[in-house]
């Protein structure tokens, strides 16, 4: 099932291909989606992107480092430690795992 935002982006793309204006597009979205409608700024931004030739409706990659501590292997290790002793505190598990407690 598509999220409401993605669904609206598809509709914006469709309106661009029909030759609708940004204002017409926003008014139609507002009529259909009501309070869940994208903001005018978002509608105008997506409209511009599609008008410039963008085809993808998904979000762009965001800058930053990917998380390396939230891996399946680490999740399994935490699970093993907790199964061995369910009375351990988060701090104790973090010390055993040699990581910070926010990761645990």
N, C-alpha and C. Protein backbone atom coordinates (compact mmCIF):
# COMPACT_ATOMS: atom_id res chain seq x y z
N UNK A 1 0.84 -1.18 0.00
CA UNK A 1 0.00 0.00 0.00
C UNK A 1 0.89 1.26 0.00
N UNK A 2 0.58 2.21 -0.84
CA UNK A 2 1.36 3.44 -0.95
C UNK A 2 1.06 4.38 0.20
N UNK A 3 2.08 5.11 0.63
CA UNK A 3 1.84 6.15 1.62
C UNK A 3 1.10 7.29 0.94
N UNK A 4 0.43 8.11 1.72
CA UNK A 4 -0.32 9.24 1.19
C UNK A 4 0.62 10.20 0.45
N UNK A 5 1.82 10.42 0.98
CA UNK A 5 2.78 11.32 0.33
C UNK A 5 3.18 10.81 -1.05
N UNK A 6 3.49 9.52 -1.15
CA UNK A 6 3.90 8.95 -2.42
C UNK A 6 2.74 9.00 -3.42
N UNK A 7 1.57 8.69 -2.94
CA UNK A 7 0.37 8.74 -3.79
C UNK A 7 0.18 10.16 -4.35
N UNK A 8 0.37 11.16 -3.52
CA UNK A 8 0.22 12.54 -3.98
C UNK A 8 1.31 12.92 -4.97
N UNK A 9 2.52 12.42 -4.77
CA UNK A 9 3.59 12.70 -5.73
C UNK A 9 3.25 12.13 -7.10
N UNK A 10 2.66 10.93 -7.11
CA UNK A 10 2.24 10.33 -8.37
C UNK A 10 1.20 11.23 -9.04
N UNK A 11 0.28 11.76 -8.24
CA UNK A 11 -0.74 12.64 -8.79
C UNK A 11 -0.14 13.95 -9.30
N UNK A 12 0.86 14.47 -8.62
CA UNK A 12 1.53 15.69 -9.08
C UNK A 12 2.19 15.41 -10.43
N UNK A 13 2.87 14.28 -10.53
CA UNK A 13 3.52 13.90 -11.79
C UNK A 13 2.49 13.80 -12.91
N UNK A 14 1.35 13.22 -12.62
CA UNK A 14 0.28 13.09 -13.59
C UNK A 14 -0.21 14.47 -14.05
N UNK A 15 -0.38 15.38 -13.10
CA UNK A 15 -0.83 16.74 -13.43
C UNK A 15 0.19 17.47 -14.30
N UNK A 16 1.47 17.26 -14.03
CA UNK A 16 2.51 17.87 -14.85
C UNK A 16 2.38 17.38 -16.28
N UNK A 17 2.19 16.07 -16.44
CA UNK A 17 2.08 15.49 -17.77
C UNK A 17 0.82 15.97 -18.49
N UNK A 18 -0.23 16.32 -17.73
CA UNK A 18 -1.45 16.86 -18.33
C UNK A 18 -1.34 18.34 -18.68
N UNK A 19 -0.28 18.97 -18.18
CA UNK A 19 -0.09 20.40 -18.46
C UNK A 19 -0.81 21.31 -17.50
N UNK A 20 -1.19 20.79 -16.34
CA UNK A 20 -1.86 21.61 -15.32
C UNK A 20 -0.84 22.57 -14.70
N UNK A 21 -1.33 23.65 -14.10
CA UNK A 21 -0.45 24.59 -13.41
C UNK A 21 -0.21 24.10 -11.98
N UNK A 22 0.78 24.69 -11.33
CA UNK A 22 1.06 24.31 -9.94
C UNK A 22 -0.14 24.64 -9.05
N UNK A 23 -0.75 25.77 -9.27
CA UNK A 23 -1.90 26.18 -8.46
C UNK A 23 -3.07 25.21 -8.65
N UNK A 24 -3.36 24.84 -9.91
CA UNK A 24 -4.44 23.88 -10.18
C UNK A 24 -4.14 22.54 -9.50
N UNK A 25 -2.89 22.11 -9.60
CA UNK A 25 -2.49 20.84 -9.01
C UNK A 25 -2.69 20.87 -7.50
N UNK A 26 -2.23 21.93 -6.87
CA UNK A 26 -2.37 22.04 -5.41
C UNK A 26 -3.84 22.06 -5.01
N UNK A 27 -4.67 22.81 -5.71
CA UNK A 27 -6.09 22.90 -5.38
C UNK A 27 -6.78 21.54 -5.51
N UNK A 28 -6.41 20.78 -6.54
CA UNK A 28 -7.01 19.45 -6.71
C UNK A 28 -6.57 18.51 -5.58
N UNK A 29 -5.29 18.55 -5.23
CA UNK A 29 -4.81 17.71 -4.14
C UNK A 29 -5.50 18.07 -2.83
N UNK A 30 -5.65 19.36 -2.59
CA UNK A 30 -6.29 19.82 -1.36
C UNK A 30 -7.74 19.34 -1.29
N UNK A 31 -8.41 19.36 -2.44
CA UNK A 31 -9.81 18.92 -2.50
C UNK A 31 -9.93 17.43 -2.20
N UNK A 32 -9.00 16.65 -2.71
CA UNK A 32 -9.05 15.20 -2.54
C UNK A 32 -8.54 14.76 -1.17
N UNK A 33 -7.40 15.31 -0.73
CA UNK A 33 -6.74 14.81 0.48
C UNK A 33 -7.03 15.62 1.73
N UNK A 34 -7.63 16.78 1.60
CA UNK A 34 -7.99 17.59 2.76
C UNK A 34 -6.81 17.89 3.65
N UNK A 35 -6.95 17.59 4.94
CA UNK A 35 -5.89 17.92 5.91
C UNK A 35 -4.63 17.09 5.70
N UNK A 36 -4.71 15.98 4.95
CA UNK A 36 -3.52 15.16 4.69
C UNK A 36 -2.75 15.63 3.46
N UNK A 37 -3.20 16.70 2.84
CA UNK A 37 -2.57 17.20 1.63
C UNK A 37 -1.15 17.70 1.92
N UNK A 38 -0.27 17.48 0.95
CA UNK A 38 1.08 18.05 1.04
C UNK A 38 0.97 19.56 1.16
N UNK A 39 1.95 20.18 1.77
CA UNK A 39 1.96 21.64 1.88
C UNK A 39 2.16 22.23 0.49
N UNK A 40 1.74 23.50 0.30
CA UNK A 40 1.96 24.13 -1.01
C UNK A 40 3.43 24.10 -1.42
N UNK A 41 4.33 24.30 -0.48
CA UNK A 41 5.76 24.28 -0.77
C UNK A 41 6.19 22.93 -1.32
N UNK A 42 5.71 21.85 -0.69
CA UNK A 42 6.07 20.51 -1.16
C UNK A 42 5.49 20.23 -2.54
N UNK A 43 4.23 20.63 -2.74
CA UNK A 43 3.60 20.42 -4.04
C UNK A 43 4.37 21.16 -5.13
N UNK A 44 4.70 22.43 -4.86
CA UNK A 44 5.42 23.23 -5.86
C UNK A 44 6.81 22.66 -6.13
N UNK A 45 7.48 22.15 -5.09
CA UNK A 45 8.82 21.57 -5.27
C UNK A 45 8.75 20.31 -6.12
N UNK A 46 7.82 19.40 -5.82
CA UNK A 46 7.68 18.18 -6.61
C UNK A 46 7.24 18.50 -8.03
N UNK A 47 6.36 19.49 -8.17
CA UNK A 47 5.92 19.91 -9.49
C UNK A 47 7.12 20.35 -10.33
N UNK A 48 7.97 21.15 -9.73
CA UNK A 48 9.17 21.66 -10.41
C UNK A 48 10.09 20.50 -10.82
N UNK A 49 10.30 19.56 -9.90
CA UNK A 49 11.17 18.42 -10.19
C UNK A 49 10.65 17.61 -11.38
N UNK A 50 9.34 17.33 -11.37
CA UNK A 50 8.76 16.55 -12.46
C UNK A 50 8.77 17.35 -13.77
N UNK A 51 8.54 18.63 -13.70
CA UNK A 51 8.56 19.49 -14.89
C UNK A 51 9.96 19.51 -15.51
N UNK A 52 10.99 19.41 -14.67
CA UNK A 52 12.38 19.41 -15.14
C UNK A 52 12.82 18.03 -15.64
N UNK A 53 11.93 17.06 -15.62
CA UNK A 53 12.24 15.75 -16.19
C UNK A 53 12.44 14.61 -15.21
N UNK A 54 12.31 14.87 -13.93
CA UNK A 54 12.47 13.79 -12.96
C UNK A 54 11.37 12.76 -13.17
N UNK A 55 11.73 11.50 -13.07
CA UNK A 55 10.76 10.42 -13.21
C UNK A 55 10.50 9.70 -11.88
N UNK A 56 11.52 9.61 -11.04
CA UNK A 56 11.40 8.89 -9.78
C UNK A 56 10.51 9.64 -8.81
N UNK A 57 9.66 8.89 -8.09
CA UNK A 57 8.77 9.52 -7.11
C UNK A 57 9.28 9.36 -5.68
N UNK A 58 10.34 8.56 -5.51
CA UNK A 58 10.88 8.31 -4.18
C UNK A 58 11.72 9.46 -3.67
N UNK A 59 12.02 9.42 -2.37
CA UNK A 59 12.87 10.42 -1.75
C UNK A 59 14.30 10.29 -2.25
N UNK A 60 15.03 11.39 -2.24
CA UNK A 60 16.44 11.38 -2.57
C UNK A 60 17.22 10.81 -1.40
N UNK A 61 18.42 10.29 -1.69
CA UNK A 61 19.30 9.84 -0.62
C UNK A 61 19.70 11.03 0.23
N UNK A 62 19.77 10.81 1.52
CA UNK A 62 20.18 11.87 2.43
C UNK A 62 21.64 11.70 2.79
N UNK A 63 22.34 12.82 2.99
CA UNK A 63 23.76 12.71 3.35
C UNK A 63 23.92 12.18 4.77
N UNK A 64 25.10 11.68 5.02
CA UNK A 64 25.40 11.18 6.37
C UNK A 64 25.93 9.77 6.31
N UNK A 65 26.47 9.35 7.40
CA UNK A 65 27.04 8.01 7.48
C UNK A 65 25.95 7.00 7.79
N UNK A 66 25.97 5.87 7.14
CA UNK A 66 25.00 4.84 7.48
C UNK A 66 25.31 4.26 8.86
N UNK A 67 24.29 3.82 9.53
CA UNK A 67 24.48 3.23 10.85
C UNK A 67 25.18 1.89 10.71
N UNK A 68 26.25 1.71 11.46
CA UNK A 68 26.98 0.45 11.41
C UNK A 68 26.74 -0.39 12.66
N UNK A 69 26.11 0.18 13.67
CA UNK A 69 25.90 -0.55 14.91
C UNK A 69 24.60 -1.35 14.90
N UNK A 70 23.67 -0.98 14.05
CA UNK A 70 22.38 -1.67 14.01
C UNK A 70 22.39 -2.70 12.89
N UNK A 71 23.12 -3.77 13.13
CA UNK A 71 23.22 -4.83 12.14
C UNK A 71 22.52 -6.08 12.67
N UNK A 72 22.20 -6.99 11.77
CA UNK A 72 21.58 -8.24 12.19
C UNK A 72 22.48 -9.01 13.15
N UNK A 73 23.79 -8.96 12.90
CA UNK A 73 24.73 -9.68 13.77
C UNK A 73 24.69 -9.09 15.18
N UNK A 74 24.72 -7.77 15.29
CA UNK A 74 24.66 -7.14 16.62
C UNK A 74 23.33 -7.42 17.30
N UNK A 75 22.25 -7.39 16.55
CA UNK A 75 20.94 -7.69 17.13
C UNK A 75 20.91 -9.10 17.69
N UNK A 76 21.49 -10.04 16.96
CA UNK A 76 21.53 -11.43 17.42
C UNK A 76 22.39 -11.55 18.67
N UNK A 77 23.53 -10.86 18.73
CA UNK A 77 24.40 -10.91 19.91
C UNK A 77 23.68 -10.37 21.14
N UNK A 78 22.97 -9.25 20.98
CA UNK A 78 22.21 -8.69 22.11
C UNK A 78 21.16 -9.69 22.56
N UNK A 79 20.49 -10.31 21.60
CA UNK A 79 19.47 -11.32 21.93
C UNK A 79 20.05 -12.48 22.72
N UNK A 80 21.24 -12.95 22.32
CA UNK A 80 21.89 -14.05 23.03
C UNK A 80 22.24 -13.65 24.46
N UNK A 81 22.80 -12.45 24.62
CA UNK A 81 23.19 -11.98 25.95
C UNK A 81 21.96 -11.88 26.84
N UNK A 82 20.88 -11.34 26.31
CA UNK A 82 19.66 -11.16 27.11
C UNK A 82 19.03 -12.52 27.44
N UNK A 83 19.06 -13.45 26.50
CA UNK A 83 18.50 -14.78 26.77
C UNK A 83 19.29 -15.51 27.86
N UNK A 84 20.60 -15.27 27.93
CA UNK A 84 21.41 -15.90 28.96
C UNK A 84 21.12 -15.34 30.35
N UNK A 85 20.87 -14.03 30.41
CA UNK A 85 20.57 -13.41 31.70
C UNK A 85 19.63 -12.23 31.47
N UNK A 86 18.35 -12.47 31.70
CA UNK A 86 17.35 -11.43 31.42
C UNK A 86 17.33 -10.33 32.48
N UNK A 87 18.10 -10.48 33.52
CA UNK A 87 18.13 -9.46 34.58
C UNK A 87 19.20 -8.40 34.35
N UNK A 88 19.97 -8.53 33.29
CA UNK A 88 21.02 -7.54 33.01
C UNK A 88 20.41 -6.20 32.64
N UNK A 89 21.03 -5.14 33.10
CA UNK A 89 20.59 -3.80 32.72
C UNK A 89 21.10 -3.47 31.32
N UNK A 90 20.56 -2.43 30.76
CA UNK A 90 21.01 -1.99 29.44
C UNK A 90 22.49 -1.62 29.49
N UNK A 91 22.87 -0.97 30.57
CA UNK A 91 24.28 -0.58 30.73
C UNK A 91 25.17 -1.82 30.76
N UNK A 92 24.75 -2.86 31.48
CA UNK A 92 25.56 -4.08 31.57
C UNK A 92 25.66 -4.76 30.20
N UNK A 93 24.57 -4.81 29.47
CA UNK A 93 24.61 -5.41 28.13
C UNK A 93 25.54 -4.61 27.24
N UNK A 94 25.48 -3.28 27.33
CA UNK A 94 26.35 -2.42 26.52
C UNK A 94 27.82 -2.69 26.85
N UNK A 95 28.13 -2.86 28.13
CA UNK A 95 29.52 -3.14 28.51
C UNK A 95 29.98 -4.49 27.99
N UNK A 96 29.10 -5.50 28.06
CA UNK A 96 29.44 -6.82 27.54
C UNK A 96 29.64 -6.80 26.03
N UNK A 97 28.87 -5.97 25.35
CA UNK A 97 28.93 -5.89 23.89
C UNK A 97 30.02 -4.94 23.43
N UNK A 98 30.59 -4.20 24.39
CA UNK A 98 31.60 -3.19 24.09
C UNK A 98 31.05 -2.11 23.13
N UNK A 99 29.88 -1.60 23.48
CA UNK A 99 29.23 -0.56 22.70
C UNK A 99 28.51 0.40 23.64
N UNK A 100 27.92 1.45 23.12
CA UNK A 100 27.22 2.39 24.01
C UNK A 100 25.80 1.92 24.26
N UNK A 101 25.20 2.42 25.34
CA UNK A 101 23.88 1.93 25.72
C UNK A 101 22.78 2.35 24.76
N UNK A 102 22.99 3.46 24.00
CA UNK A 102 22.00 3.89 23.04
C UNK A 102 21.88 2.86 21.91
N UNK A 103 22.98 2.21 21.59
CA UNK A 103 22.96 1.18 20.56
C UNK A 103 22.17 -0.03 21.02
N UNK A 104 22.34 -0.37 22.30
CA UNK A 104 21.63 -1.53 22.86
C UNK A 104 20.15 -1.23 22.91
